[in-house]
Amino acid sequence: MKLVEIIHDVAGILQPSTELQHPLAFQEWLEKVRKIAGQFEFELRTELTRLGGEMPDSRPEPAANLESGLKLTLECYQQALSCALTAHTRAMLTRQFGEIRRASEKFAALSRAA
């Protein structure tokens, strides 16, 4: 499932950098979204296993930065939600999509404030 790999890549981008000093609000946002991404990756892998799916051999192109990673993640969720899904999977993806969308909006607000 492409979405699992995208979430994994975004979680990697969210790792705090000791080289850069960010405002406290951004550091708090980064930590919160990193935890969310880790949880969502676990949930997606668990659901994929429950449905009998397998991880694809090919990996999507990794995102270059956090902004493009969040945008790609939102696009992947929209694609996934346009597919035929079980009610449980659709509810999970809808919940996750909403969280990622709110995180993306907060990132945009923090970026504007910087």
PDB file of N, CA and C in Angstrom:
ATOM      1  N   MET A   1       0.854  -1.176   0.000  1.00  0.00           N
ATOM      2  CA  MET A   1       0.000   0.000   0.000  1.00  0.00           C
ATOM      3  C   MET A   1       0.897   1.234   0.000  1.00  0.00           C
ATOM      4  N   LYS A   2       0.745   2.034  -1.012  1.00  0.00           N
ATOM      5  CA  LYS A   2       1.558   3.240  -1.186  1.00  0.00           C
ATOM      6  C   LYS A   2       1.452   4.180   0.017  1.00  0.00           C
ATOM      7  N   LEU A   3       0.280   4.269   0.597  1.00  0.00           N
ATOM      8  CA  LEU A   3       0.045   5.181   1.709  1.00  0.00           C
ATOM      9  C   LEU A   3       0.935   4.857   2.908  1.00  0.00           C
ATOM     10  N   VAL A   4       1.159   3.584   3.182  1.00  0.00           N
ATOM     11  CA  VAL A   4       2.009   3.184   4.303  1.00  0.00           C
ATOM     12  C   VAL A   4       3.420   3.729   4.094  1.00  0.00           C
ATOM     13  N   GLU A   5       3.934   3.600   2.884  1.00  0.00           N
ATOM     14  CA  GLU A   5       5.291   4.070   2.605  1.00  0.00           C
ATOM     15  C   GLU A   5       5.391   5.588   2.675  1.00  0.00           C
ATOM     16  N   ILE A   6       4.364   6.288   2.209  1.00  0.00           N
ATOM     17  CA  ILE A   6       4.360   7.752   2.269  1.00  0.00           C
ATOM     18  C   ILE A   6       4.383   8.208   3.726  1.00  0.00           C
ATOM     19  N   ILE A   7       3.544   7.600   4.554  1.00  0.00           N
ATOM     20  CA  ILE A   7       3.513   7.951   5.984  1.00  0.00           C
ATOM     21  C   ILE A   7       4.881   7.670   6.620  1.00  0.00           C
ATOM     22  N   HIS A   8       5.481   6.552   6.257  1.00  0.00           N
ATOM     23  CA  HIS A   8       6.805   6.205   6.785  1.00  0.00           C
ATOM     24  C   HIS A   8       7.828   7.269   6.397  1.00  0.00           C
ATOM     25  N   ASP A   9       7.799   7.702   5.143  1.00  0.00           N
ATOM     26  CA  ASP A   9       8.734   8.727   4.682  1.00  0.00           C
ATOM     27  C   ASP A   9       8.517  10.058   5.399  1.00  0.00           C
ATOM     28  N   VAL A  10       7.256  10.445   5.580  1.00  0.00           N
ATOM     29  CA  VAL A  10       6.962  11.702   6.283  1.00  0.00           C
ATOM     30  C   VAL A  10       7.433  11.613   7.730  1.00  0.00           C
ATOM     31  N   ALA A  11       7.248  10.462   8.358  1.00  0.00           N
ATOM     32  CA  ALA A  11       7.730  10.290   9.732  1.00  0.00           C
ATOM     33  C   ALA A  11       9.244  10.493   9.789  1.00  0.00           C
ATOM     34  N   GLY A  12       9.946  10.043   8.754  1.00  0.00           N
ATOM     35  CA  GLY A  12      11.396  10.250   8.695  1.00  0.00           C
ATOM     36  C   GLY A  12      11.756  11.717   8.549  1.00  0.00           C
ATOM     37  N   ILE A  13      10.991  12.444   7.735  1.00  0.00           N
ATOM     38  CA  ILE A  13      11.234  13.877   7.548  1.00  0.00           C
ATOM     39  C   ILE A  13      10.973  14.634   8.854  1.00  0.00           C
ATOM     40  N   LEU A  14      10.053  14.123   9.662  1.00  0.00           N
ATOM     41  CA  LEU A  14       9.666  14.794  10.905  1.00  0.00           C
ATOM     42  C   LEU A  14      10.664  14.606  12.037  1.00  0.00           C
ATOM     43  N   GLN A  15      11.677  13.790  11.849  1.00  0.00           N
ATOM     44  CA  GLN A  15      12.658  13.583  12.907  1.00  0.00           C
ATOM     45  C   GLN A  15      13.322  14.906  13.254  1.00  0.00           C
ATOM     46  N   PRO A  16      13.401  15.222  14.527  1.00  0.00           N
ATOM     47  CA  PRO A  16      13.985  16.506  14.917  1.00  0.00           C
ATOM     48  C   PRO A  16      15.453  16.596  14.511  1.00  0.00           C
ATOM     49  N   SER A  17      15.837  17.748  14.081  1.00  0.00           N
ATOM     50  CA  SER A  17      17.223  18.001  13.701  1.00  0.00           C
ATOM     51  C   SER A  17      17.920  18.750  14.832  1.00  0.00           C
ATOM     52  N   THR A  18      19.053  18.252  15.252  1.00  0.00           N
ATOM     53  CA  THR A  18      19.804  18.925  16.305  1.00  0.00           C
ATOM     54  C   THR A  18      20.576  20.110  15.742  1.00  0.00           C
ATOM     55  N   GLU A  19      20.705  20.169  14.405  1.00  0.00           N
ATOM     56  CA  GLU A  19      21.462  21.253  13.777  1.00  0.00           C
ATOM     57  C   GLU A  19      20.643  22.538  13.660  1.00  0.00           C
ATOM     58  N   LEU A  20      19.336  22.409  13.586  1.00  0.00           N
ATOM     59  CA  LEU A  20      18.476  23.573  13.374  1.00  0.00           C
ATOM     60  C   LEU A  20      17.745  23.941  14.660  1.00  0.00           C
ATOM     61  N   GLN A  21      17.635  25.217  14.915  1.00  0.00           N
ATOM     62  CA  GLN A  21      16.868  25.705  16.051  1.00  0.00           C
ATOM     63  C   GLN A  21      15.520  26.199  15.538  1.00  0.00           C
ATOM     64  N   HIS A  22      14.453  25.599  16.023  1.00  0.00           N
ATOM     65  CA  HIS A  22      13.105  25.972  15.620  1.00  0.00           C
ATOM     66  C   HIS A  22      12.388  26.596  16.810  1.00  0.00           C
ATOM     67  N   PRO A  23      11.419  27.467  16.539  1.00  0.00           N
ATOM     68  CA  PRO A  23      10.599  28.007  17.635  1.00  0.00           C
ATOM     69  C   PRO A  23       9.900  26.874  18.390  1.00  0.00           C
ATOM     70  N   LEU A  24       9.606  27.114  19.648  1.00  0.00           N
ATOM     71  CA  LEU A  24       8.983  26.106  20.496  1.00  0.00           C
ATOM     72  C   LEU A  24       7.678  25.585  19.893  1.00  0.00           C
ATOM     73  N   ALA A  25       6.852  26.464  19.345  1.00  0.00           N
ATOM     74  CA  ALA A  25       5.576  26.037  18.759  1.00  0.00           C
ATOM     75  C   ALA A  25       5.803  25.041  17.631  1.00  0.00           C
ATOM     76  N   PHE A  26       6.826  25.266  16.816  1.00  0.00           N
ATOM     77  CA  PHE A  26       7.119  24.347  15.719  1.00  0.00           C
ATOM     78  C   PHE A  26       7.664  23.025  16.257  1.00  0.00           C
ATOM     79  N   GLN A  27       8.521  23.091  17.276  1.00  0.00           N
ATOM     80  CA  GLN A  27       9.051  21.861  17.874  1.00  0.00           C
ATOM     81  C   GLN A  27       7.928  21.004  18.455  1.00  0.00           C
ATOM     82  N   GLU A  28       6.968  21.652  19.128  1.00  0.00           N
ATOM     83  CA  GLU A  28       5.829  20.926  19.687  1.00  0.00           C
ATOM     84  C   GLU A  28       4.983  20.311  18.590  1.00  0.00           C
ATOM     85  N   TRP A  29       4.740  21.073  17.514  1.00  0.00           N
ATOM     86  CA  TRP A  29       3.986  20.549  16.376  1.00  0.00           C
ATOM     87  C   TRP A  29       4.712  19.364  15.760  1.00  0.00           C
ATOM     88  N   LEU A  30       6.015  19.486  15.575  1.00  0.00           N
ATOM     89  CA  LEU A  30       6.831  18.438  14.989  1.00  0.00           C
ATOM     90  C   LEU A  30       6.730  17.145  15.797  1.00  0.00           C
ATOM     91  N   GLU A  31       6.838  17.247  17.101  1.00  0.00           N
ATOM     92  CA  GLU A  31       6.761  16.071  17.969  1.00  0.00           C
ATOM     93  C   GLU A  31       5.372  15.432  17.902  1.00  0.00           C
ATOM     94  N   LYS A  32       4.337  16.251  17.940  1.00  0.00           N
ATOM     95  CA  LYS A  32       2.973  15.724  17.883  1.00  0.00           C
ATOM     96  C   LYS A  32       2.728  14.995  16.565  1.00  0.00           C
ATOM     97  N   VAL A  33       3.120  15.584  15.458  1.00  0.00           N
ATOM     98  CA  VAL A  33       2.866  14.990  14.147  1.00  0.00           C
ATOM     99  C   VAL A  33       3.752  13.764  13.927  1.00  0.00           C
ATOM    100  N   ARG A  34       4.946  13.769  14.481  1.00  0.00           N
ATOM    101  CA  ARG A  34       5.812  12.590  14.382  1.00  0.00           C
ATOM    102  C   ARG A  34       5.144  11.395  15.058  1.00  0.00           C
ATOM    103  N   LYS A  35       4.557  11.617  16.232  1.00  0.00           N
ATOM    104  CA  LYS A  35       3.848  10.542  16.936  1.00  0.00           C
ATOM    105  C   LYS A  35       2.627  10.084  16.149  1.00  0.00           C
ATOM    106  N   ILE A  36       1.891  11.039  15.596  1.00  0.00           N
ATOM    107  CA  ILE A  36       0.710  10.708  14.792  1.00  0.00           C
ATOM    108  C   ILE A  36       1.115   9.868  13.589  1.00  0.00           C
ATOM    109  N   ALA A  37       2.176  10.265  12.900  1.00  0.00           N
ATOM    110  CA  ALA A  37       2.631   9.527  11.713  1.00  0.00           C
ATOM    111  C   ALA A  37       3.029   8.097  12.085  1.00  0.00           C
ATOM    112  N   GLY A  38       3.720   7.934  13.197  1.00  0.00           N
ATOM    113  CA  GLY A  38       4.097   6.598  13.649  1.00  0.00           C
ATOM    114  C   GLY A  38       2.882   5.742  13.967  1.00  0.00           C
ATOM    115  N   GLN A  39       1.904   6.340  14.633  1.00  0.00           N
ATOM    116  CA  GLN A  39       0.673   5.619  14.961  1.00  0.00           C
ATOM    117  C   GLN A  39      -0.094   5.241  13.696  1.00  0.00           C
ATOM    118  N   PHE A  40      -0.185   6.174  12.757  1.00  0.00           N
ATOM    119  CA  PHE A  40      -0.914   5.907  11.517  1.00  0.00           C
ATOM    120  C   PHE A  40      -0.227   4.830  10.691  1.00  0.00           C
ATOM    121  N   GLU A  41       1.101   4.843  10.662  1.00  0.00           N
ATOM    122  CA  GLU A  41       1.819   3.796   9.930  1.00  0.00           C
ATOM    123  C   GLU A  41       1.488   2.432  10.535  1.00  0.00           C
ATOM    124  N   PHE A  42       1.502   2.348  11.866  1.00  0.00           N
ATOM    125  CA  PHE A  42       1.150   1.094  12.547  1.00  0.00           C
ATOM    126  C   PHE A  42      -0.274   0.673  12.202  1.00  0.00           C
ATOM    127  N   GLU A  43      -1.224   1.611  12.276  1.00  0.00           N
ATOM    128  CA  GLU A  43      -2.621   1.294  11.985  1.00  0.00           C
ATOM    129  C   GLU A  43      -2.788   0.819  10.533  1.00  0.00           C
ATOM    130  N   LEU A  44      -2.116   1.495   9.606  1.00  0.00           N
ATOM    131  CA  LEU A  44      -2.226   1.119   8.193  1.00  0.00           C
ATOM    132  C   LEU A  44      -1.632  -0.269   7.942  1.00  0.00           C
ATOM    133  N   ARG A  45      -0.485  -0.543   8.520  1.00  0.00           N
ATOM    134  CA  ARG A  45       0.131  -1.865   8.355  1.00  0.00           C
ATOM    135  C   ARG A  45      -0.759  -2.952   8.961  1.00  0.00           C
ATOM    136  N   THR A  46      -1.331  -2.670  10.133  1.00  0.00           N
ATOM    137  CA  THR A  46      -2.218  -3.634  10.780  1.00  0.00           C
ATOM    138  C   THR A  46      -3.452  -3.889   9.923  1.00  0.00           C
ATOM    139  N   GLU A  47      -4.035  -2.832   9.381  1.00  0.00           N
ATOM    140  CA  GLU A  47      -5.233  -2.981   8.544  1.00  0.00           C
ATOM    141  C   GLU A  47      -4.900  -3.722   7.257  1.00  0.00           C
ATOM    142  N   LEU A  48      -3.764  -3.435   6.679  1.00  0.00           N
ATOM    143  CA  LEU A  48      -3.354  -4.119   5.456  1.00  0.00           C
ATOM    144  C   LEU A  48      -3.192  -5.616   5.720  1.00  0.00           C
ATOM    145  N   THR A  49      -2.598  -5.956   6.831  1.00  0.00           N
ATOM    146  CA  THR A  49      -2.443  -7.364   7.206  1.00  0.00           C
ATOM    147  C   THR A  49      -3.799  -8.002   7.448  1.00  0.00           C
ATOM    148  N   ARG A  50      -4.682  -7.291   8.142  1.00  0.00           N
ATOM    149  CA  ARG A  50      -6.028  -7.811   8.431  1.00  0.00           C
ATOM    150  C   ARG A  50      -6.785  -8.119   7.153  1.00  0.00           C
ATOM    151  N   LEU A  51      -6.577  -7.275   6.143  1.00  0.00           N
ATOM    152  CA  LEU A  51      -7.279  -7.462   4.867  1.00  0.00           C
ATOM    153  C   LEU A  51      -6.574  -8.459   3.950  1.00  0.00           C
ATOM    154  N   GLY A  52      -5.422  -8.963   4.395  1.00  0.00           N
ATOM    155  CA  GLY A  52      -4.697  -9.951   3.598  1.00  0.00           C
ATOM    156  C   GLY A  52      -3.841  -9.342   2.504  1.00  0.00           C
ATOM    157  N   GLY A  53      -3.567  -8.055   2.604  1.00  0.00           N
ATOM    158  CA  GLY A  53      -2.747  -7.387   1.603  1.00  0.00           C
ATOM    159  C   GLY A  53      -1.273  -7.557   1.882  1.00  0.00           C
ATOM    160  N   GLU A  54      -0.487  -7.193   0.894  1.00  0.00           N
ATOM    161  CA  GLU A  54       0.962  -7.258   1.035  1.00  0.00           C
ATOM    162  C   GLU A  54       1.554  -5.900   0.718  1.00  0.00           C
ATOM    163  N   MET A  55       2.720  -5.659   1.269  1.00  0.00           N
ATOM    164  CA  MET A  55       3.425  -4.421   0.969  1.00  0.00           C
ATOM    165  C   MET A  55       3.966  -4.506  -0.446  1.00  0.00           C
ATOM    166  N   PRO A  56       3.869  -3.418  -1.227  1.00  0.00           N
ATOM    167  CA  PRO A  56       4.362  -3.439  -2.599  1.00  0.00           C
ATOM    168  C   PRO A  56       5.888  -3.518  -2.644  1.00  0.00           C
ATOM    169  N   ASP A  57       6.393  -4.067  -3.754  1.00  0.00           N
ATOM    170  CA  ASP A  57       7.838  -4.150  -3.936  1.00  0.00           C
ATOM    171  C   ASP A  57       8.429  -2.791  -4.279  1.00  0.00           C
ATOM    172  N   SER A  58       7.693  -2.000  -5.053  1.00  0.00           N
ATOM    173  CA  SER A  58       8.210  -0.693  -5.452  1.00  0.00           C
ATOM    174  C   SER A  58       7.807   0.354  -4.427  1.00  0.00           C
ATOM    175  N   ARG A  59       8.703   1.291  -4.214  1.00  0.00           N
ATOM    176  CA  ARG A  59       8.439   2.379  -3.273  1.00  0.00           C
ATOM    177  C   ARG A  59       8.175   3.644  -4.063  1.00  0.00           C
ATOM    178  N   PRO A  60       7.238   4.473  -3.601  1.00  0.00           N
ATOM    179  CA  PRO A  60       7.036   5.763  -4.261  1.00  0.00           C
ATOM    180  C   PRO A  60       8.250   6.662  -4.056  1.00  0.00           C
ATOM    181  N   GLU A  61       8.372   7.646  -4.889  1.00  0.00           N
ATOM    182  CA  GLU A  61       9.469   8.616  -4.770  1.00  0.00           C
ATOM    183  C   GLU A  61       9.329   9.351  -3.437  1.00  0.00           C
ATOM    184  N   PRO A  62      10.377   9.371  -2.604  1.00  0.00           N
ATOM    185  CA  PRO A  62      10.259  10.056  -1.312  1.00  0.00           C
ATOM    186  C   PRO A  62      10.099  11.567  -1.489  1.00  0.00           C
ATOM    187  N   ALA A  63       9.436  12.163  -0.545  1.00  0.00           N
ATOM    188  CA  ALA A  63       9.226  13.609  -0.578  1.00  0.00           C
ATOM    189  C   ALA A  63      10.538  14.329  -0.295  1.00  0.00           C
ATOM    190  N   ALA A  64      10.707  15.466  -0.943  1.00  0.00           N
ATOM    191  CA  ALA A  64      11.940  16.236  -0.793  1.00  0.00           C
ATOM    192  C   ALA A  64      11.988  17.000   0.529  1.00  0.00           C
ATOM    193  N   ASN A  65      10.817  17.436   1.011  1.00  0.00           N
ATOM    194  CA  ASN A  65      10.777  18.205   2.247  1.00  0.00           C
ATOM    195  C   ASN A  65       9.432  17.994   2.927  1.00  0.00           C
ATOM    196  N   LEU A  66       9.276  18.603   4.065  1.00  0.00           N
ATOM    197  CA  LEU A  66       8.070  18.409   4.868  1.00  0.00           C
ATOM    198  C   LEU A  66       6.819  18.903   4.153  1.00  0.00           C
ATOM    199  N   GLU A  67       6.887  20.065   3.539  1.00  0.00           N
ATOM    200  CA  GLU A  67       5.722  20.614   2.846  1.00  0.00           C
ATOM    201  C   GLU A  67       5.264  19.698   1.718  1.00  0.00           C
ATOM    202  N   SER A  68       6.193  19.243   0.879  1.00  0.00           N
ATOM    203  CA  SER A  68       5.808  18.359  -0.224  1.00  0.00           C
ATOM    204  C   SER A  68       5.377  16.993   0.306  1.00  0.00           C
ATOM    205  N   GLY A  69       5.969  16.554   1.422  1.00  0.00           N
ATOM    206  CA  GLY A  69       5.565  15.285   2.033  1.00  0.00           C
ATOM    207  C   GLY A  69       4.139  15.318   2.539  1.00  0.00           C
ATOM    208  N   LEU A  70       3.771  16.417   3.187  1.00  0.00           N
ATOM    209  CA  LEU A  70       2.384  16.548   3.665  1.00  0.00           C
ATOM    210  C   LEU A  70       1.405  16.616   2.504  1.00  0.00           C
ATOM    211  N   LYS A  71       1.781  17.343   1.452  1.00  0.00           N
ATOM    212  CA  LYS A  71       0.911  17.449   0.273  1.00  0.00           C
ATOM    213  C   LYS A  71       0.731  16.078  -0.382  1.00  0.00           C
ATOM    214  N   LEU A  72       1.821  15.343  -0.544  1.00  0.00           N
ATOM    215  CA  LEU A  72       1.758  14.014  -1.139  1.00  0.00           C
ATOM    216  C   LEU A  72       0.923  13.074  -0.278  1.00  0.00           C
ATOM    217  N   THR A  73       1.069  13.178   1.029  1.00  0.00           N
ATOM    218  CA  THR A  73       0.292  12.340   1.943  1.00  0.00           C
ATOM    219  C   THR A  73      -1.201  12.615   1.792  1.00  0.00           C
ATOM    220  N   LEU A  74      -1.581  13.884   1.732  1.00  0.00           N
ATOM    221  CA  LEU A  74      -2.993  14.231   1.557  1.00  0.00           C
ATOM    222  C   LEU A  74      -3.524  13.695   0.228  1.00  0.00           C
ATOM    223  N   GLU A  75      -2.730  13.801  -0.824  1.00  0.00           N
ATOM    224  CA  GLU A  75      -3.149  13.278  -2.131  1.00  0.00           C
ATOM    225  C   GLU A  75      -3.337  11.766  -2.083  1.00  0.00           C
ATOM    226  N   CYS A  76      -2.435  11.075  -1.401  1.00  0.00           N
ATOM    227  CA  CYS A  76      -2.547   9.615  -1.294  1.00  0.00           C
ATOM    228  C   CYS A  76      -3.785   9.203  -0.502  1.00  0.00           C
ATOM    229  N   TYR A  77      -4.087   9.949   0.561  1.00  0.00           N
ATOM    230  CA  TYR A  77      -5.304   9.656   1.315  1.00  0.00           C
ATOM    231  C   TYR A  77      -6.536   9.866   0.430  1.00  0.00           C
ATOM    232  N   GLN A  78      -6.554  10.932  -0.347  1.00  0.00           N
ATOM    233  CA  GLN A  78      -7.695  11.180  -1.228  1.00  0.00           C
ATOM    234  C   GLN A  78      -7.844  10.060  -2.248  1.00  0.00           C
ATOM    235  N   GLN A  79      -6.731   9.586  -2.801  1.00  0.00           N
ATOM    236  CA  GLN A  79      -6.779   8.474  -3.745  1.00  0.00           C
ATOM    237  C   GLN A  79      -7.301   7.221  -3.071  1.00  0.00           C
ATOM    238  N   ALA A  80      -6.795   6.938  -1.875  1.00  0.00           N
ATOM    239  CA  ALA A  80      -7.229   5.745  -1.152  1.00  0.00           C
ATOM    240  C   ALA A  80      -8.715   5.811  -0.823  1.00  0.00           C
ATOM    241  N   LEU A  81      -9.182   6.991  -0.439  1.00  0.00           N
ATOM    242  CA  LEU A  81     -10.598   7.136  -0.080  1.00  0.00           C
ATOM    243  C   LEU A  81     -11.523   7.054  -1.288  1.00  0.00           C
ATOM    244  N   SER A  82     -10.972   7.189  -2.496  1.00  0.00           N
ATOM    245  CA  SER A  82     -11.803   7.075  -3.694  1.00  0.00           C
ATOM    246  C   SER A  82     -11.964   5.622  -4.140  1.00  0.00           C
ATOM    247  N   CYS A  83     -11.288   4.708  -3.468  1.00  0.00           N
ATOM    248  CA  CYS A  83     -11.364   3.281  -3.797  1.00  0.00           C
ATOM    249  C   CYS A  83     -12.499   2.612  -3.025  1.00  0.00           C
ATOM    250  N   ALA A  84     -12.835   1.404  -3.453  1.00  0.00           N
ATOM    251  CA  ALA A  84     -13.814   0.596  -2.721  1.00  0.00           C
ATOM    252  C   ALA A  84     -13.132   0.081  -1.455  1.00  0.00           C
ATOM    253  N   LEU A  85     -13.693   0.413  -0.299  1.00  0.00           N
ATOM    254  CA  LEU A  85     -13.098   0.059   0.983  1.00  0.00           C
ATOM    255  C   LEU A  85     -14.143  -0.554   1.899  1.00  0.00           C
ATOM    256  N   THR A  86     -13.675  -1.338   2.870  1.00  0.00           N
ATOM    257  CA  THR A  86     -14.599  -1.808   3.898  1.00  0.00           C
ATOM    258  C   THR A  86     -14.969  -0.598   4.765  1.00  0.00           C
ATOM    259  N   ALA A  87     -16.069  -0.697   5.478  1.00  0.00           N
ATOM    260  CA  ALA A  87     -16.517   0.411   6.334  1.00  0.00           C
ATOM    261  C   ALA A  87     -15.450   0.742   7.382  1.00  0.00           C
ATOM    262  N   HIS A  88     -14.839  -0.272   7.956  1.00  0.00           N
ATOM    263  CA  HIS A  88     -13.812  -0.061   8.977  1.00  0.00           C
ATOM    264  C   HIS A  88     -12.611   0.681   8.395  1.00  0.00           C
ATOM    265  N   THR A  89     -12.159   0.250   7.224  1.00  0.00           N
ATOM    266  CA  THR A  89     -11.003   0.885   6.588  1.00  0.00           C
ATOM    267  C   THR A  89     -11.326   2.322   6.195  1.00  0.00           C
ATOM    268  N   ARG A  90     -12.506   2.546   5.638  1.00  0.00           N
ATOM    269  CA  ARG A  90     -12.902   3.902   5.248  1.00  0.00           C
ATOM    270  C   ARG A  90     -12.947   4.831   6.471  1.00  0.00           C
ATOM    271  N   ALA A  91     -13.504   4.348   7.575  1.00  0.00           N
ATOM    272  CA  ALA A  91     -13.574   5.171   8.793  1.00  0.00           C
ATOM    273  C   ALA A  91     -12.168   5.507   9.299  1.00  0.00           C
ATOM    274  N   MET A  92     -11.270   4.532   9.282  1.00  0.00           N
ATOM    275  CA  MET A  92      -9.906   4.761   9.737  1.00  0.00           C
ATOM    276  C   MET A  92      -9.204   5.779   8.838  1.00  0.00           C
ATOM    277  N   LEU A  93      -9.314   5.604   7.515  1.00  0.00           N
ATOM    278  CA  LEU A  93      -8.658   6.515   6.582  1.00  0.00           C
ATOM    279  C   LEU A  93      -9.243   7.924   6.665  1.00  0.00           C
ATOM    280  N   THR A  94     -10.552   8.023   6.850  1.00  0.00           N
ATOM    281  CA  THR A  94     -11.199   9.326   6.981  1.00  0.00           C
ATOM    282  C   THR A  94     -10.687  10.052   8.228  1.00  0.00           C
ATOM    283  N   ARG A  95     -10.575   9.331   9.328  1.00  0.00           N
ATOM    284  CA  ARG A  95     -10.055   9.906  10.579  1.00  0.00           C
ATOM    285  C   ARG A  95      -8.606  10.351  10.394  1.00  0.00           C
ATOM    286  N   GLN A  96      -7.795   9.488   9.809  1.00  0.00           N
ATOM    287  CA  GLN A  96      -6.387   9.823   9.597  1.00  0.00           C
ATOM    288  C   GLN A  96      -6.236  11.009   8.646  1.00  0.00           C
ATOM    289  N   PHE A  97      -7.009  11.020   7.574  1.00  0.00           N
ATOM    290  CA  PHE A  97      -6.957  12.111   6.597  1.00  0.00           C
ATOM    291  C   PHE A  97      -7.261  13.441   7.291  1.00  0.00           C
ATOM    292  N   GLY A  98      -8.273  13.449   8.145  1.00  0.00           N
ATOM    293  CA  GLY A  98      -8.626  14.670   8.869  1.00  0.00           C
ATOM    294  C   GLY A  98      -7.488  15.154   9.755  1.00  0.00           C
ATOM    295  N   GLU A  99      -6.823  14.226  10.445  1.00  0.00           N
ATOM    296  CA  GLU A  99      -5.693  14.592  11.308  1.00  0.00           C
ATOM    297  C   GLU A  99      -4.531  15.146  10.487  1.00  0.00           C
ATOM    298  N   ILE A 100      -4.228  14.510   9.369  1.00  0.00           N
ATOM    299  CA  ILE A 100      -3.122  14.964   8.519  1.00  0.00           C
ATOM    300  C   ILE A 100      -3.465  16.325   7.901  1.00  0.00           C
ATOM    301  N   ARG A 101      -4.709  16.507   7.510  1.00  0.00           N
ATOM    302  CA  ARG A 101      -5.126  17.794   6.944  1.00  0.00           C
ATOM    303  C   ARG A 101      -4.979  18.908   7.978  1.00  0.00           C
ATOM    304  N   ARG A 102      -5.403  18.650   9.222  1.00  0.00           N
ATOM    305  CA  ARG A 102      -5.252  19.656  10.287  1.00  0.00           C
ATOM    306  C   ARG A 102      -3.771  19.926  10.569  1.00  0.00           C
ATOM    307  N   ALA A 103      -2.957  18.880  10.558  1.00  0.00           N
ATOM    308  CA  ALA A 103      -1.519  19.061  10.775  1.00  0.00           C
ATOM    309  C   ALA A 103      -0.904  19.888   9.654  1.00  0.00           C
ATOM    310  N   SER A 104      -1.350  19.660   8.440  1.00  0.00           N
ATOM    311  CA  SER A 104      -0.849  20.411   7.285  1.00  0.00           C
ATOM    312  C   SER A 104      -1.250  21.884   7.384  1.00  0.00           C
ATOM    313  N   GLU A 105      -2.478  22.136   7.806  1.00  0.00           N
ATOM    314  CA  GLU A 105      -2.943  23.518   7.979  1.00  0.00           C
ATOM    315  C   GLU A 105      -2.144  24.223   9.076  1.00  0.00           C
ATOM    316  N   LYS A 106      -1.849  23.514  10.172  1.00  0.00           N
ATOM    317  CA  LYS A 106      -1.061  24.084  11.263  1.00  0.00           C
ATOM    318  C   LYS A 106       0.353  24.374  10.790  1.00  0.00           C
ATOM    319  N   PHE A 107       0.923  23.458   9.980  1.00  0.00           N
ATOM    320  CA  PHE A 107       2.258  23.674   9.424  1.00  0.00           C
ATOM    321  C   PHE A 107       2.278  24.936   8.571  1.00  0.00           C
ATOM    322  N   ALA A 108       1.247  25.123   7.751  1.00  0.00           N
ATOM    323  CA  ALA A 108       1.172  26.318   6.900  1.00  0.00           C
ATOM    324  C   ALA A 108       1.102  27.574   7.761  1.00  0.00           C
ATOM    325  N   ALA A 109       0.323  27.542   8.839  1.00  0.00           N
ATOM    326  CA  ALA A 109       0.201  28.688   9.739  1.00  0.00           C
ATOM    327  C   ALA A 109       1.538  28.968  10.428  1.00  0.00           C
ATOM    328  N   LEU A 110       2.223  27.930  10.874  1.00  0.00           N
ATOM    329  CA  LEU A 110       3.519  28.108  11.536  1.00  0.00           C
ATOM    330  C   LEU A 110       4.557  28.652  10.549  1.00  0.00           C
ATOM    331  N   SER A 111       4.487  28.187   9.314  1.00  0.00           N
ATOM    332  CA  SER A 111       5.424  28.662   8.283  1.00  0.00           C
ATOM    333  C   SER A 111       5.214  30.130   7.973  1.00  0.00           C
ATOM    334  N   ARG A 112       3.943  30.535   7.925  1.00  0.00           N
ATOM    335  CA  ARG A 112       3.633  31.953   7.665  1.00  0.00           C
ATOM    336  C   ARG A 112       4.116  32.845   8.808  1.00  0.00           C
ATOM    337  N   ALA A 113       4.023  32.324  10.029  1.00  0.00           N
ATOM    338  CA  ALA A 113       4.404  33.102  11.205  1.00  0.00           C
ATOM    339  C   ALA A 113       5.926  33.227  11.350  1.00  0.00           C
ATOM    340  N   ALA A 114       6.647  32.327  10.729  1.00  0.00           N
ATOM    341  CA  ALA A 114       8.125  32.331  10.876  1.00  0.00           C
ATOM    342  C   ALA A 114       8.793  33.424  10.103  1.00  0.00           C
TER     343      ALA A 114
END
